[in-house]
């Protein structure tokens, strides 16, 4: 699931620094429907963390400028 999310995400959003978040929704997981989040740095070819959540919508907020 991590590799699939990284290679074919539904969304990619920018993090607070240089990281990117790849997000993919899965209707079936061992714990029910969830979103896989893969946090990575493209410039370093590095996956920082990957996790399942049911609260991916909370990642889409407008930061203070």
C-alpha atoms as a PDB file:
ATOM      1  CA  UNK A   1       0.000   0.000   0.000  1.00  0.00           C
ATOM      2  CA  UNK A   2       2.879   2.345   0.756  1.00  0.00           C
ATOM      3  CA  UNK A   3       4.493   1.857  -2.647  1.00  0.00           C
ATOM      4  CA  UNK A   4       1.151   2.157  -4.460  1.00  0.00           C
ATOM      5  CA  UNK A   5       0.348   5.389  -2.588  1.00  0.00           C
ATOM      6  CA  UNK A   6       3.787   6.785  -3.361  1.00  0.00           C
ATOM      7  CA  UNK A   7       3.605   5.854  -7.073  1.00  0.00           C
ATOM      8  CA  UNK A   8      -0.092   6.607  -7.731  1.00  0.00           C
ATOM      9  CA  UNK A   9      -1.487   8.990  -5.078  1.00  0.00           C
ATOM     10  CA  UNK A  10      -4.946  10.527  -5.208  1.00  0.00           C
ATOM     11  CA  UNK A  11      -3.454  13.784  -3.893  1.00  0.00           C
ATOM     12  CA  UNK A  12      -0.052  15.260  -3.124  1.00  0.00           C
ATOM     13  CA  UNK A  13       0.181  18.210  -0.780  1.00  0.00           C
ATOM     14  CA  UNK A  14       3.123  20.256   0.457  1.00  0.00           C
ATOM     15  CA  UNK A  15       4.204  19.945   4.066  1.00  0.00           C
ATOM     16  CA  UNK A  16       5.540  22.722   6.275  1.00  0.00           C
ATOM     17  CA  UNK A  17       9.146  22.359   5.145  1.00  0.00           C
ATOM     18  CA  UNK A  18      10.314  20.497   2.029  1.00  0.00           C
ATOM     19  CA  UNK A  19       8.345  17.323   2.600  1.00  0.00           C
ATOM     20  CA  UNK A  20       5.450  16.161   0.456  1.00  0.00           C
ATOM     21  CA  UNK A  21       2.468  14.079   1.528  1.00  0.00           C
ATOM     22  CA  UNK A  22       1.085  11.499  -0.880  1.00  0.00           C
ATOM     23  CA  UNK A  23      -2.483  10.495  -0.009  1.00  0.00           C
ATOM     24  CA  UNK A  24      -4.539   7.603  -1.341  1.00  0.00           C
ATOM     25  CA  UNK A  25      -7.938   6.375  -0.178  1.00  0.00           C
ATOM     26  CA  UNK A  26      -8.493   2.639   0.318  1.00  0.00           C
ATOM     27  CA  UNK A  27     -12.041   1.378   0.743  1.00  0.00           C
ATOM     28  CA  UNK A  28     -10.793  -1.923   2.175  1.00  0.00           C
ATOM     29  CA  UNK A  29      -7.997  -2.337   4.722  1.00  0.00           C
ATOM     30  CA  UNK A  30      -7.681  -4.725   7.677  1.00  0.00           C
ATOM     31  CA  UNK A  31      -9.164  -1.944   9.850  1.00  0.00           C
ATOM     32  CA  UNK A  32     -11.880  -0.672   7.472  1.00  0.00           C
ATOM     33  CA  UNK A  33     -11.794   2.200   4.975  1.00  0.00           C
ATOM     34  CA  UNK A  34      -8.747   4.411   5.507  1.00  0.00           C
ATOM     35  CA  UNK A  35      -6.426   6.862   3.799  1.00  0.00           C
ATOM     36  CA  UNK A  36      -2.746   5.996   3.457  1.00  0.00           C
ATOM     37  CA  UNK A  37      -0.412   8.946   4.026  1.00  0.00           C
ATOM     38  CA  UNK A  38       3.194   8.723   2.848  1.00  0.00           C
ATOM     39  CA  UNK A  39       5.412  11.614   3.930  1.00  0.00           C
ATOM     40  CA  UNK A  40       8.560  11.914   1.839  1.00  0.00           C
ATOM     41  CA  UNK A  41      11.351  14.177   0.625  1.00  0.00           C
ATOM     42  CA  UNK A  42      11.711  14.101  -3.136  1.00  0.00           C
ATOM     43  CA  UNK A  43      15.105  15.847  -3.120  1.00  0.00           C
ATOM     44  CA  UNK A  44      16.604  13.181  -0.831  1.00  0.00           C
ATOM     45  CA  UNK A  45      14.755  10.102  -2.179  1.00  0.00           C
ATOM     46  CA  UNK A  46      13.574   9.495   1.378  1.00  0.00           C
ATOM     47  CA  UNK A  47      10.302   8.202   2.836  1.00  0.00           C
ATOM     48  CA  UNK A  48       9.966   9.729   6.298  1.00  0.00           C
ATOM     49  CA  UNK A  49       6.847   7.938   7.558  1.00  0.00           C
ATOM     50  CA  UNK A  50       3.756   6.175   6.250  1.00  0.00           C
ATOM     51  CA  UNK A  51       0.523   5.558   8.131  1.00  0.00           C
ATOM     52  CA  UNK A  52      -3.187   4.831   7.788  1.00  0.00           C
ATOM     53  CA  UNK A  53      -5.748   7.334   9.047  1.00  0.00           C
ATOM     54  CA  UNK A  54      -9.439   8.072   8.886  1.00  0.00           C
ATOM     55  CA  UNK A  55      -8.744  11.795   9.373  1.00  0.00           C
ATOM     56  CA  UNK A  56      -6.841  12.761   6.227  1.00  0.00           C
ATOM     57  CA  UNK A  57      -9.311  15.610   5.696  1.00  0.00           C
ATOM     58  CA  UNK A  58      -7.659  17.401   8.628  1.00  0.00           C
ATOM     59  CA  UNK A  59      -4.488  17.732   6.536  1.00  0.00           C
ATOM     60  CA  UNK A  60      -6.252  20.126   4.191  1.00  0.00           C
ATOM     61  CA  UNK A  61      -6.216  23.370   6.114  1.00  0.00           C
ATOM     62  CA  UNK A  62      -5.056  26.836   5.141  1.00  0.00           C
ATOM     63  CA  UNK A  63      -1.858  27.841   6.902  1.00  0.00           C
ATOM     64  CA  UNK A  64      -1.399  31.344   8.268  1.00  0.00           C
ATOM     65  CA  UNK A  65       0.689  33.434   5.893  1.00  0.00           C
END
